[in-house]
Amino acid sequence: MRRRATAALSSFLRRLFSWPVRLTQAGLRAVERAYRPALEGCLAHRGRVVAVAVAALLATAALIPRLGSELIPQLSQGEFILDLRMTPGTPLEETDKAVAAAQLMITGQPEVTQSYSVTGTGNRLDANPTDAGENTGRISVMLEPGSKRTDEDRVIDRLRSGLDQLAGVQYQFSRPALFSFSTPLEVEVAGYDLDRLRETAAQVRRSMEQSARFSDIKSTVEEGTPEIQILFDQERATGLGLEVRDLADRVVSSVRGDVATRYKLRDRKIDVLVRSVDTRASSVEELRNLIVNPGSPYPVPLSAIANVQLEIGPSEVRRIGQERVAVVSANLASGDLGTAIAALQQMVDEVSLPVGTVAMLSGQSEEMSDSFRSLQFVLLLAVFLVYIVMASQFESLMHPFVILLTVPLAVIGAVWALWLTGTTVNVVAYIGLIMLAGIVVNQSIVLIDAVNRLRESGMPKNEAIARGGQLRLRPIVITTLTTILGLLPMAIGLGEGAEVRAPMAITVIGGVSLATLLTLLVIPVVYSVLDRKAFAPVAAPTEVGAAPEPARG
């Protein structure tokens, strides 16, 4: 019974896979019939073949600048963040109204499933006036499951048109960061004079606002928050027997308050502050009348020993490398990062910089340049190591060089695959290129080794090339097909995070596909042109891979 079931299963599987096997075998036989005449034709016109290969390489080199570049592909996460910023000094109540209006626009989008908002962060003394405070708000938005990058961009574009109608509101869109990267585009303006920094940063910002390529433009030298400045008269304070340090501590204690005790509510501890000035409804006049020497028989108001005035202070003073800088940052509205960097660099070059002020690009542009240089070095190192290993194995310097010509031929296919699919050059594509350098040389190694073994058996060079190519055609084609089919789901973009994986698969598939064709036609031609190695003749030639004839006794 078991044998009968096994035989039935075997028969079913044979019938099931018989047509793919027949189809594959028929295709391979057709390729084999066409390959031998094509290779002999290439060997008969070696100059034309080499010229066509060089022309294809030059055309590909001219295409590379048109690909566009970025650090890493943007992921579609189905959510984004909207940061709102009102004029510095705006009360929390007004900010909350603007946030509520923005959230109403968001909930009206059909792709949005949920959103939540936070109005105001930090407190009046420790909040960063640029990124936090009562004049800021944040809305987190989540889209329906399965939303793609195009869906996110479409919702954001609709929200931009609505947010532009809110008076006095600045906004910026961002996405949750899976990797720690800088803002896509940043311009660092360095100098000592804050007024010159503010002026130069404003020029750069105006230039960027005139281009539709940039969005969510932000500067770290925005208008500061209104603040009360207290300038003590040290001579007058000393005449009254008062220490300026004690006066400053007393003013801070009166305004901010001291923690007298902590009120315990369940598992929470709430600070109880004691202060003499109500910061929610205080005025400059009330602060001027603050008694700075309580308990003294002659009370002294603050206005008697200090000048109390209302001013606009800087939002922040940022330093990089111990030097004052103003950073103008922006996101990409359209295009790729490389093109945007070139356009922004041209804008910066056209800005008239005051004396003692310099401007330079930073952000992801700097990280992308560093990453690309590192990966280019890794690629060259990988090619060099492969050459060293092959030179020791082949005991020749020319044959490994011929084999390594497969790498630039593979780059042709990779570049055209990226261009046809609209994929930018990024770190992931570079990793695919490094993988490609290790994959495609295997095909040339198999081919050149077969040719050398045939020549060692006494076969003439051109005949050995044609015969070796025919013998190695099937394993090379099968290896290429398995590589392409294995990477095809990744290239199509199936599954979560496919945007990051796809460039690597596209690079490898394009490179392997074209490299296989050129390996079978161009590499034999280059071998016939460059090879000058002489092989010692033997008595009886044998086929590659054939077992030696047993000795007769």
Protein backbone atom coordinates (compact mmCIF):
# COMPACT_ATOMS: atom_id res chain seq x y z
CA MET A 1 0.00 0.00 0.00
CA ARG A 2 2.80 2.42 0.91
CA ARG A 3 4.65 1.68 -2.35
CA ARG A 4 1.47 2.27 -4.30
CA ALA A 5 0.91 5.64 -2.59
CA THR A 6 4.51 6.67 -3.18
CA ALA A 7 4.28 5.73 -6.84
CA ALA A 8 1.04 7.69 -7.22
CA LEU A 9 2.58 10.77 -5.57
CA SER A 10 5.67 10.48 -7.74
CA SER A 11 3.54 10.24 -10.87
CA PHE A 12 1.50 13.28 -9.84
CA LEU A 13 4.59 15.39 -9.16
CA ARG A 14 6.14 14.28 -12.45
CA ARG A 15 3.07 15.35 -14.38
CA LEU A 16 2.84 18.60 -12.38
CA PHE A 17 6.42 19.71 -13.05
CA SER A 18 6.88 18.16 -16.47
CA TRP A 19 5.70 21.22 -18.40
CA PRO A 20 7.98 23.71 -16.58
CA VAL A 21 10.89 21.33 -17.10
CA ARG A 22 10.12 20.95 -20.80
CA LEU A 23 9.68 24.69 -21.18
CA THR A 24 12.96 25.45 -19.39
CA GLN A 25 14.90 22.84 -21.33
CA ALA A 26 13.51 24.11 -24.62
CA GLY A 27 14.51 27.65 -23.73
CA LEU A 28 18.03 26.64 -22.74
CA ARG A 29 18.49 24.62 -25.95
CA ALA A 30 17.34 27.62 -28.00
CA VAL A 31 19.84 29.83 -26.20
CA GLU A 32 22.62 27.30 -26.78
CA ARG A 33 21.84 27.12 -30.51
CA ALA A 34 21.96 30.90 -30.82
CA TYR A 35 24.97 31.50 -28.59
CA ARG A 36 27.69 29.69 -30.56
CA PRO A 37 27.14 31.69 -33.82
CA ALA A 38 26.81 34.94 -31.84
CA LEU A 39 30.10 34.33 -30.00
CA GLU A 40 31.92 33.41 -33.22
CA GLY A 41 30.58 36.59 -34.83
CA CYS A 42 31.85 38.67 -31.89
CA LEU A 43 35.28 37.02 -32.15
CA ALA A 44 35.35 37.84 -35.85
CA HIS A 45 34.60 41.56 -35.15
CA ARG A 46 36.50 42.16 -31.95
CA GLY A 47 37.09 45.86 -32.54
CA ARG A 48 33.39 46.60 -32.98
CA VAL A 49 32.44 44.64 -29.88
CA VAL A 50 34.97 46.46 -27.72
CA ALA A 51 33.87 49.82 -29.18
CA VAL A 52 30.22 49.10 -28.41
CA ALA A 53 31.09 48.08 -24.83
CA VAL A 54 33.15 51.26 -24.30
CA ALA A 55 30.37 53.41 -25.78
CA ALA A 56 27.81 51.79 -23.47
CA LEU A 57 30.08 52.47 -20.49
CA LEU A 58 30.50 56.14 -21.45
CA ALA A 59 26.75 56.56 -21.99
CA THR A 60 26.13 55.06 -18.57
CA ALA A 61 28.66 57.42 -16.98
CA ALA A 62 26.75 60.35 -18.51
CA LEU A 63 23.50 58.97 -17.10
CA ILE A 64 24.71 58.71 -13.48
CA PRO A 65 24.26 62.46 -12.63
CA ARG A 66 20.62 62.21 -13.73
CA LEU A 67 19.77 59.45 -11.26
CA GLY A 68 19.49 61.68 -8.21
CA SER A 69 20.79 60.75 -4.80
CA GLU A 70 19.71 60.57 -1.18
CA LEU A 71 21.08 59.17 2.04
CA ILE A 72 18.51 56.42 2.57
CA PRO A 73 15.05 55.79 1.04
CA GLN A 74 12.14 57.27 2.93
CA LEU A 75 9.99 54.72 4.71
CA SER A 76 6.21 54.68 4.53
CA GLN A 77 5.12 54.40 8.18
CA GLY A 78 1.49 55.41 7.85
CA GLU A 79 1.91 58.30 10.28
CA PHE A 80 3.45 61.75 10.51
CA ILE A 81 3.84 64.64 12.94
CA LEU A 82 2.72 68.25 12.57
CA ASP A 83 4.55 70.84 14.70
CA LEU A 84 2.89 74.26 15.05
CA ARG A 85 4.52 77.44 16.29
CA MET A 86 2.87 80.74 17.05
CA THR A 87 4.50 84.13 17.64
CA PRO A 88 6.76 84.04 20.73
CA GLY A 89 4.84 85.17 23.79
CA THR A 90 1.48 83.88 22.56
CA PRO A 91 -0.65 82.70 25.53
CA LEU A 92 -1.42 79.03 25.86
CA GLU A 93 -5.12 79.65 25.22
CA GLU A 94 -4.45 81.21 21.79
CA THR A 95 -2.07 78.43 20.84
CA ASP A 96 -4.66 75.84 21.81
CA LYS A 97 -7.20 77.47 19.48
CA ALA A 98 -4.78 77.25 16.55
CA VAL A 99 -3.98 73.61 17.36
CA ALA A 100 -7.70 72.80 17.56
CA ALA A 101 -8.28 74.42 14.15
CA ALA A 102 -5.43 72.38 12.63
CA GLN A 103 -6.71 69.19 14.19
CA LEU A 104 -10.16 69.86 12.74
CA MET A 105 -8.59 69.98 9.28
CA ILE A 106 -6.80 66.70 9.96
CA THR A 107 -9.87 64.83 11.15
CA GLY A 108 -11.63 65.89 7.95
CA GLN A 109 -9.18 63.89 5.82
CA PRO A 110 -10.63 60.53 4.75
CA GLU A 111 -7.26 58.72 5.05
CA VAL A 112 -6.79 59.70 8.71
CA THR A 113 -7.86 57.15 11.33
CA GLN A 114 -6.81 58.94 14.51
CA SER A 115 -4.85 61.93 15.77
CA TYR A 116 -3.92 63.46 19.10
CA SER A 117 -2.41 66.82 20.00
CA VAL A 118 -0.30 68.43 22.73
CA THR A 119 -0.30 72.19 23.27
CA GLY A 120 2.67 73.82 24.99
CA THR A 121 5.70 72.04 26.39
CA GLY A 122 8.09 73.00 29.17
CA ASN A 123 7.49 75.99 31.41
CA ARG A 124 8.28 79.65 31.18
CA LEU A 125 11.78 79.35 32.58
CA ASP A 126 13.17 76.16 31.10
CA ALA A 127 11.43 75.88 27.71
CA ASN A 128 13.42 76.37 24.51
CA PRO A 129 11.77 79.38 22.83
CA THR A 130 12.41 77.92 19.38
CA ASP A 131 11.09 74.38 19.80
CA ALA A 132 8.96 74.52 22.94
CA GLY A 133 6.94 76.78 25.16
CA GLU A 134 3.36 77.97 25.38
CA ASN A 135 3.41 79.12 21.75
CA THR A 136 4.06 75.63 20.33
CA GLY A 137 1.91 72.59 19.67
CA ARG A 138 2.28 69.13 18.18
CA ILE A 139 -0.24 66.87 16.43
CA SER A 140 0.47 63.20 15.74
CA VAL A 141 -1.50 61.76 12.83
CA MET A 142 -2.05 58.11 11.94
CA LEU A 143 -3.40 56.97 8.58
CA GLU A 144 -5.39 53.88 7.74
CA PRO A 145 -3.43 50.60 7.60
CA GLY A 146 -1.68 49.91 4.31
CA SER A 147 -1.17 53.56 3.43
CA LYS A 148 1.75 54.19 1.11
CA ARG A 149 4.19 57.04 0.83
CA THR A 150 2.09 58.65 -1.90
CA ASP A 151 -0.93 58.64 0.43
CA GLU A 152 1.07 60.43 3.14
CA ASP A 153 2.30 63.04 0.67
CA ARG A 154 -1.22 63.61 -0.66
CA VAL A 155 -2.63 64.22 2.83
CA ILE A 156 0.27 66.53 3.74
CA ASP A 157 -0.19 68.57 0.55
CA ARG A 158 -3.88 69.08 1.32
CA LEU A 159 -3.08 70.13 4.88
CA ARG A 160 -0.48 72.64 3.72
CA SER A 161 -3.05 74.55 1.70
CA GLY A 162 -5.33 74.74 4.75
CA LEU A 163 -2.61 75.63 7.25
CA ASP A 164 -1.47 78.50 5.04
CA GLN A 165 -4.81 80.17 5.81
CA LEU A 166 -4.12 80.27 9.58
CA ALA A 167 -2.71 83.70 10.40
CA GLY A 168 0.50 83.81 12.43
CA VAL A 169 1.03 80.04 12.42
CA GLN A 170 4.28 78.41 11.34
CA TYR A 171 4.21 74.67 10.75
CA GLN A 172 6.54 71.81 9.98
CA PHE A 173 5.81 68.21 8.99
CA SER A 174 8.04 65.35 10.03
CA ARG A 175 7.93 61.58 10.35
CA PRO A 176 8.86 59.33 13.26
CA ALA A 177 12.60 58.73 13.09
CA LEU A 178 13.63 55.10 12.77
CA PHE A 179 17.24 56.18 12.19
CA SER A 180 19.13 59.02 13.84
CA PHE A 181 19.66 61.41 10.95
CA SER A 182 19.94 65.17 10.70
CA THR A 183 17.42 67.36 8.92
CA PRO A 184 17.58 66.71 5.15
CA LEU A 185 18.82 70.24 4.39
CA GLU A 186 20.67 72.56 6.74
CA VAL A 187 22.67 75.74 6.21
CA GLU A 188 25.01 76.74 9.02
CA VAL A 189 25.78 80.46 9.19
CA ALA A 190 28.73 81.02 11.53
CA GLY A 191 29.93 84.30 13.05
CA TYR A 192 30.15 86.25 16.30
CA ASP A 193 27.73 89.14 15.71
CA LEU A 194 24.15 87.96 16.41
CA ASP A 195 22.64 90.74 14.28
CA ARG A 196 24.72 89.73 11.27
CA LEU A 197 23.83 86.08 11.83
CA ARG A 198 20.13 86.99 11.93
CA GLU A 199 20.42 89.06 8.76
CA THR A 200 22.29 86.38 6.81
CA ALA A 201 19.97 83.62 7.98
CA ALA A 202 16.99 85.73 6.88
CA GLN A 203 18.52 86.13 3.40
CA VAL A 204 19.07 82.39 3.08
CA ARG A 205 15.54 81.70 4.26
CA ARG A 206 13.99 84.15 1.79
CA SER A 207 15.92 82.54 -1.06
CA MET A 208 14.71 79.09 -0.03
CA GLU A 209 11.09 80.27 0.29
CA GLN A 210 11.14 81.41 -3.34
CA SER A 211 11.79 77.83 -4.50
CA ALA A 212 9.07 75.19 -4.57
CA ARG A 213 11.71 72.53 -3.91
CA PHE A 214 11.91 73.28 -0.16
CA SER A 215 9.25 73.09 2.55
CA ASP A 216 8.97 73.51 6.32
CA ILE A 217 11.76 76.09 6.35
CA LYS A 218 12.90 76.96 9.86
CA SER A 219 15.60 79.16 11.37
CA THR A 220 17.14 79.03 14.84
CA VAL A 221 17.33 82.84 14.99
CA GLU A 222 13.61 83.44 14.89
CA GLU A 223 12.20 86.41 16.74
CA GLY A 224 12.79 85.89 20.45
CA THR A 225 10.33 85.69 23.30
CA PRO A 226 9.26 88.87 25.12
CA GLU A 227 11.12 89.03 28.41
CA ILE A 228 11.54 91.37 31.37
CA GLN A 229 15.14 92.43 31.77
CA ILE A 230 16.41 93.65 35.15
CA LEU A 231 19.60 95.74 35.05
CA PHE A 232 20.91 96.34 38.57
CA ASP A 233 22.68 99.56 39.57
CA GLN A 234 25.52 98.14 41.64
CA GLU A 235 26.63 101.51 43.07
CA ARG A 236 23.15 102.36 44.33
CA ALA A 237 22.65 98.88 45.75
CA THR A 238 25.99 99.04 47.56
CA GLY A 239 25.07 102.44 48.98
CA LEU A 240 21.95 100.89 50.51
CA GLY A 241 23.97 97.98 51.94
CA LEU A 242 22.53 95.40 49.52
CA GLU A 243 24.37 92.68 47.59
CA VAL A 244 23.41 92.30 43.93
CA ARG A 245 23.76 88.52 44.17
CA ASP A 246 21.29 88.38 47.06
CA LEU A 247 18.93 90.72 45.21
CA ALA A 248 18.96 88.52 42.12
CA ASP A 249 18.24 85.40 44.18
CA ARG A 250 15.38 87.16 45.96
CA VAL A 251 13.79 88.30 42.66
CA VAL A 252 14.02 84.78 41.22
CA SER A 253 12.52 83.34 44.39
CA SER A 254 9.65 85.85 44.31
CA VAL A 255 8.83 85.19 40.64
CA ARG A 256 9.51 81.48 40.29
CA GLY A 257 8.78 80.55 43.86
CA ASP A 258 10.34 78.19 46.39
CA VAL A 259 9.16 74.66 47.05
CA ALA A 260 7.78 74.85 50.59
CA THR A 261 6.50 71.30 50.74
CA ARG A 262 5.09 68.54 48.57
CA TYR A 263 1.44 67.49 48.54
CA LYS A 264 0.99 63.76 48.12
CA LEU A 265 -1.96 62.62 46.02
CA ARG A 266 -2.07 58.83 45.66
CA ASP A 267 1.27 58.00 44.01
CA ARG A 268 2.01 61.55 42.91
CA LYS A 269 3.92 64.30 44.71
CA ILE A 270 2.91 67.84 43.80
CA ASP A 271 5.21 70.78 44.59
CA VAL A 272 3.71 73.60 46.68
CA LEU A 273 5.33 76.87 45.55
CA VAL A 274 5.45 80.01 47.65
CA ARG A 275 5.96 83.20 45.65
CA SER A 276 5.00 86.85 45.93
CA VAL A 277 4.37 87.55 42.23
CA ASP A 278 1.57 85.90 40.29
CA THR A 279 3.24 85.03 36.97
CA ARG A 280 -0.13 84.47 35.29
CA ALA A 281 -1.33 88.03 35.77
CA SER A 282 1.77 89.99 36.67
CA SER A 283 2.93 93.21 35.02
CA VAL A 284 6.15 95.14 34.70
CA GLU A 285 4.87 97.72 37.17
CA GLU A 286 4.16 95.04 39.78
CA LEU A 287 7.70 93.76 39.41
CA ARG A 288 9.12 97.27 39.77
CA ASN A 289 7.26 97.69 43.07
CA LEU A 290 8.62 94.37 44.43
CA ILE A 291 10.22 94.93 47.87
CA VAL A 292 13.75 93.54 47.75
CA ASN A 293 14.55 93.88 51.50
CA PRO A 294 11.50 92.52 53.33
CA GLY A 295 11.66 92.91 57.10
CA SER A 296 13.77 96.07 56.90
CA PRO A 297 12.46 99.27 58.56
CA TYR A 298 13.07 101.07 55.28
CA PRO A 299 11.59 98.97 52.44
CA VAL A 300 13.31 99.40 49.08
CA PRO A 301 11.41 98.66 45.83
CA LEU A 302 13.19 97.02 42.94
CA SER A 303 12.83 100.13 40.79
CA ALA A 304 15.06 102.07 43.24
CA ILE A 305 18.14 99.95 42.53
CA ALA A 306 17.44 98.47 39.05
CA ASN A 307 16.09 99.39 35.65
CA VAL A 308 13.17 97.06 34.82
CA GLN A 309 12.25 97.03 31.14
CA LEU A 310 10.38 94.89 28.60
CA GLU A 311 12.57 93.65 25.75
CA ILE A 312 12.68 90.94 23.07
CA GLY A 313 15.49 88.53 23.86
CA PRO A 314 17.14 86.08 21.44
CA SER A 315 15.31 82.79 21.08
CA GLU A 316 18.57 80.91 21.58
CA VAL A 317 22.29 81.26 20.99
CA ARG A 318 23.46 78.06 19.32
CA ARG A 319 27.12 77.10 19.09
CA ILE A 320 28.92 74.50 17.00
CA GLY A 321 32.61 74.01 17.60
CA GLN A 322 32.58 76.86 20.15
CA GLU A 323 31.37 79.29 17.47
CA ARG A 324 28.03 81.04 17.28
CA VAL A 325 25.89 79.75 14.44
CA ALA A 326 22.45 80.18 12.97
CA VAL A 327 20.97 77.05 11.38
CA VAL A 328 18.40 77.30 8.60
CA SER A 329 16.79 73.90 8.04
CA ALA A 330 14.19 72.61 5.57
CA ASN A 331 12.56 69.46 4.27
CA LEU A 332 12.23 68.34 0.67
CA ALA A 333 8.98 69.22 -1.06
CA SER A 334 9.92 67.54 -4.35
CA GLY A 335 12.88 65.97 -6.10
CA ASP A 336 15.82 64.11 -4.64
CA LEU A 337 18.29 65.18 -1.99
CA GLY A 338 21.30 65.46 -4.32
CA THR A 339 19.56 67.88 -6.69
CA ALA A 340 18.25 69.92 -3.78
CA ILE A 341 21.75 70.15 -2.30
CA ALA A 342 23.12 71.51 -5.58
CA ALA A 343 20.31 74.09 -5.80
CA LEU A 344 20.78 75.14 -2.17
CA GLN A 345 24.54 75.48 -2.61
CA GLN A 346 23.93 77.83 -5.53
CA MET A 347 21.58 79.93 -3.38
CA VAL A 348 24.14 80.15 -0.58
CA ASP A 349 26.84 81.20 -3.05
CA GLU A 350 24.63 84.05 -4.25
CA VAL A 351 23.98 85.41 -0.74
CA SER A 352 26.03 88.48 0.17
CA LEU A 353 27.76 87.51 3.41
CA PRO A 354 28.75 90.23 5.91
CA VAL A 355 32.35 90.48 7.07
CA GLY A 356 33.22 87.77 9.58
CA THR A 357 30.32 85.52 8.56
CA VAL A 358 30.53 82.24 6.63
CA ALA A 359 27.81 79.86 5.42
CA MET A 360 28.08 76.14 4.69
CA LEU A 361 25.79 73.19 4.03
CA SER A 362 25.35 70.47 6.63
CA GLY A 363 22.61 68.06 7.70
CA GLN A 364 22.01 64.90 5.69
CA SER A 365 24.05 66.32 2.79
CA GLU A 366 27.20 66.02 4.89
CA GLU A 367 26.23 62.55 6.15
CA MET A 368 25.46 61.43 2.59
CA SER A 369 28.86 62.60 1.29
CA ASP A 370 30.69 60.82 4.11
CA SER A 371 28.69 57.61 3.60
CA PHE A 372 29.22 57.59 -0.16
CA ARG A 373 32.97 58.11 0.22
CA SER A 374 33.17 55.24 2.70
CA LEU A 375 31.19 52.88 0.47
CA GLN A 376 33.23 53.81 -2.60
CA PHE A 377 36.38 52.94 -0.68
CA VAL A 378 34.84 49.63 0.40
CA LEU A 379 33.93 48.84 -3.23
CA LEU A 380 37.47 49.54 -4.46
CA LEU A 381 38.91 47.50 -1.59
CA ALA A 382 36.62 44.57 -2.42
CA VAL A 383 37.67 44.65 -6.09
CA PHE A 384 41.35 44.83 -5.11
CA LEU A 385 41.08 41.86 -2.74
CA VAL A 386 39.25 39.81 -5.37
CA TYR A 387 42.01 40.62 -7.86
CA ILE A 388 44.73 39.52 -5.42
CA VAL A 389 43.01 36.21 -4.76
CA MET A 390 42.44 35.49 -8.46
CA ALA A 391 46.00 36.48 -9.40
CA SER A 392 47.35 33.91 -6.95
CA GLN A 393 44.98 31.21 -8.22
CA PHE A 394 45.41 31.84 -11.97
CA GLU A 395 49.15 32.59 -11.62
CA SER A 396 48.62 35.46 -14.02
CA LEU A 397 48.07 39.20 -13.78
CA MET A 398 46.17 39.51 -17.07
CA HIS A 399 43.47 36.89 -16.59
CA PRO A 400 42.18 38.37 -13.27
CA PHE A 401 42.15 41.78 -14.99
CA VAL A 402 39.95 40.40 -17.76
CA ILE A 403 37.64 38.84 -15.19
CA LEU A 404 37.33 42.10 -13.23
CA LEU A 405 36.15 43.87 -16.39
CA THR A 406 32.83 42.21 -15.57
CA VAL A 407 32.37 44.70 -12.71
CA PRO A 408 32.12 47.87 -14.87
CA LEU A 409 29.94 45.91 -17.30
CA ALA A 410 27.65 45.05 -14.39
CA VAL A 411 27.57 48.71 -13.32
CA ILE A 412 26.03 49.51 -16.72
CA GLY A 413 23.08 47.25 -15.99
CA ALA A 414 22.73 48.51 -12.43
CA VAL A 415 22.66 52.18 -13.45
CA TRP A 416 20.10 51.65 -16.20
CA ALA A 417 17.93 49.55 -13.87
CA LEU A 418 17.93 52.37 -11.29
CA TRP A 419 17.09 54.93 -13.98
CA LEU A 420 14.26 52.92 -15.53
CA THR A 421 12.65 52.28 -12.13
CA GLY A 422 13.09 55.87 -10.92
CA THR A 423 15.27 54.77 -7.99
CA THR A 424 17.83 57.15 -6.54
CA VAL A 425 21.41 56.35 -5.67
CA ASN A 426 21.57 55.81 -1.91
CA VAL A 427 23.42 53.84 0.72
CA VAL A 428 21.31 50.71 0.11
CA ALA A 429 21.99 50.83 -3.64
CA TYR A 430 25.72 51.11 -2.90
CA ILE A 431 25.51 47.99 -0.75
CA GLY A 432 23.85 46.21 -3.67
CA LEU A 433 26.71 47.37 -5.92
CA ILE A 434 29.27 45.90 -3.53
CA MET A 435 27.33 42.61 -3.54
CA LEU A 436 27.21 42.77 -7.32
CA ALA A 437 31.00 43.00 -7.55
CA GLY A 438 31.26 39.66 -5.78
CA ILE A 439 28.48 37.96 -7.74
CA VAL A 440 29.33 38.77 -11.35
CA VAL A 441 33.01 37.83 -11.18
CA ASN A 442 31.99 34.24 -10.48
CA GLN A 443 30.57 33.95 -13.98
CA SER A 444 33.80 35.19 -15.59
CA ILE A 445 35.88 32.93 -13.36
CA VAL A 446 33.89 29.88 -14.52
CA LEU A 447 34.23 30.91 -18.16
CA ILE A 448 37.94 31.82 -18.13
CA ASP A 449 38.82 28.70 -16.16
CA ALA A 450 37.07 26.52 -18.74
CA VAL A 451 38.90 28.25 -21.58
CA ASN A 452 42.27 27.86 -19.88
CA ARG A 453 41.70 24.17 -19.24
CA LEU A 454 40.80 23.61 -22.88
CA ARG A 455 43.91 25.47 -24.01
CA GLU A 456 46.01 23.40 -21.63
CA SER A 457 44.68 20.33 -23.42
CA GLY A 458 46.08 21.68 -26.69
CA MET A 459 43.02 23.34 -28.24
CA PRO A 460 43.64 26.59 -30.22
CA LYS A 461 42.72 29.82 -28.44
CA ASN A 462 39.67 30.87 -30.47
CA GLU A 463 38.31 27.34 -30.59
CA ALA A 464 38.86 27.01 -26.82
CA ILE A 465 37.00 30.29 -26.24
CA ALA A 466 34.02 29.19 -28.33
CA ARG A 467 33.95 25.71 -26.82
CA GLY A 468 34.44 26.96 -23.25
CA GLY A 469 31.64 29.48 -23.62
CA GLN A 470 29.31 26.80 -24.92
CA LEU A 471 30.19 24.43 -22.07
CA ARG A 472 29.67 27.09 -19.38
CA LEU A 473 26.59 28.72 -20.90
CA ARG A 474 24.03 26.62 -19.04
CA PRO A 475 25.47 26.99 -15.48
CA ILE A 476 25.94 30.74 -16.01
CA VAL A 477 22.37 31.21 -17.22
CA ILE A 478 20.91 29.08 -14.44
CA THR A 479 22.90 30.97 -11.79
CA THR A 480 21.65 34.27 -13.20
CA LEU A 481 18.03 33.15 -13.27
CA THR A 482 18.11 31.89 -9.68
CA THR A 483 19.63 35.19 -8.51
CA ILE A 484 17.03 37.26 -10.35
CA LEU A 485 14.06 35.17 -9.23
CA GLY A 486 15.28 35.14 -5.63
CA LEU A 487 15.54 38.95 -5.51
CA LEU A 488 12.41 39.67 -7.55
CA PRO A 489 9.99 39.87 -4.57
CA MET A 490 12.33 42.31 -2.85
CA ALA A 491 12.62 44.44 -6.00
CA ILE A 492 8.85 44.55 -6.46
CA GLY A 493 8.51 45.94 -2.95
CA LEU A 494 6.48 43.35 -1.08
CA GLY A 495 6.12 43.62 2.69
CA GLU A 496 6.79 46.25 5.32
CA GLY A 497 9.86 48.41 4.86
CA ALA A 498 10.15 47.46 1.19
CA GLU A 499 11.28 50.99 0.31
CA VAL A 500 14.63 50.33 2.00
CA ARG A 501 15.23 46.88 0.51
CA ALA A 502 14.13 47.54 -3.07
CA PRO A 503 17.14 49.63 -4.26
CA MET A 504 19.57 46.85 -3.35
CA ALA A 505 17.54 44.22 -5.22
CA ILE A 506 17.06 46.46 -8.27
CA THR A 507 20.80 47.15 -8.40
CA VAL A 508 21.72 43.46 -8.22
CA ILE A 509 19.07 42.31 -10.72
CA GLY A 510 19.98 44.96 -13.29
CA GLY A 511 23.69 44.34 -12.91
CA VAL A 512 23.48 40.54 -13.04
CA SER A 513 21.15 40.55 -16.05
CA LEU A 514 23.33 42.69 -18.28
CA ALA A 515 26.59 41.34 -16.88
CA THR A 516 25.58 37.82 -17.90
CA LEU A 517 25.02 38.86 -21.51
CA LEU A 518 28.22 40.87 -21.66
CA THR A 519 30.19 38.16 -19.86
CA LEU A 520 29.22 35.62 -22.49
CA LEU A 521 30.07 37.93 -25.42
CA VAL A 522 32.41 40.73 -24.39
CA ILE A 523 34.69 38.95 -21.91
CA PRO A 524 35.66 36.24 -24.46
CA VAL A 525 36.51 39.00 -26.96
CA VAL A 526 38.65 40.90 -24.43
CA TYR A 527 40.32 37.63 -23.46
CA SER A 528 41.24 36.92 -27.08
CA VAL A 529 42.68 40.44 -27.46
CA LEU A 530 44.70 40.66 -24.25
CA ASP A 531 45.77 37.08 -23.57
CA ARG A 532 49.36 36.33 -24.49
CA LYS A 533 49.93 33.34 -22.23
CA ALA A 534 51.44 30.28 -23.89
CA PHE A 535 50.24 26.84 -22.83
CA ALA A 536 52.43 23.77 -23.21
CA PRO A 537 50.88 21.32 -25.70
CA VAL A 538 49.76 17.89 -24.52
CA ALA A 539 49.43 14.63 -26.41
CA ALA A 540 45.67 14.12 -26.27
CA PRO A 541 43.09 16.91 -25.64
CA THR A 542 40.21 16.10 -23.36
CA GLU A 543 36.88 17.80 -22.62
CA VAL A 544 36.62 20.14 -19.65
CA GLY A 545 35.48 18.26 -16.62
CA ALA A 546 36.00 14.84 -18.25
CA ALA A 547 37.60 12.16 -16.15
CA PRO A 548 41.16 11.20 -17.19
CA GLU A 549 41.51 7.95 -19.12
CA PRO A 550 42.62 5.11 -16.85
CA ALA A 551 46.17 3.87 -17.36
CA ARG A 552 46.58 0.57 -19.14
CA GLY A 553 48.89 -1.96 -17.61
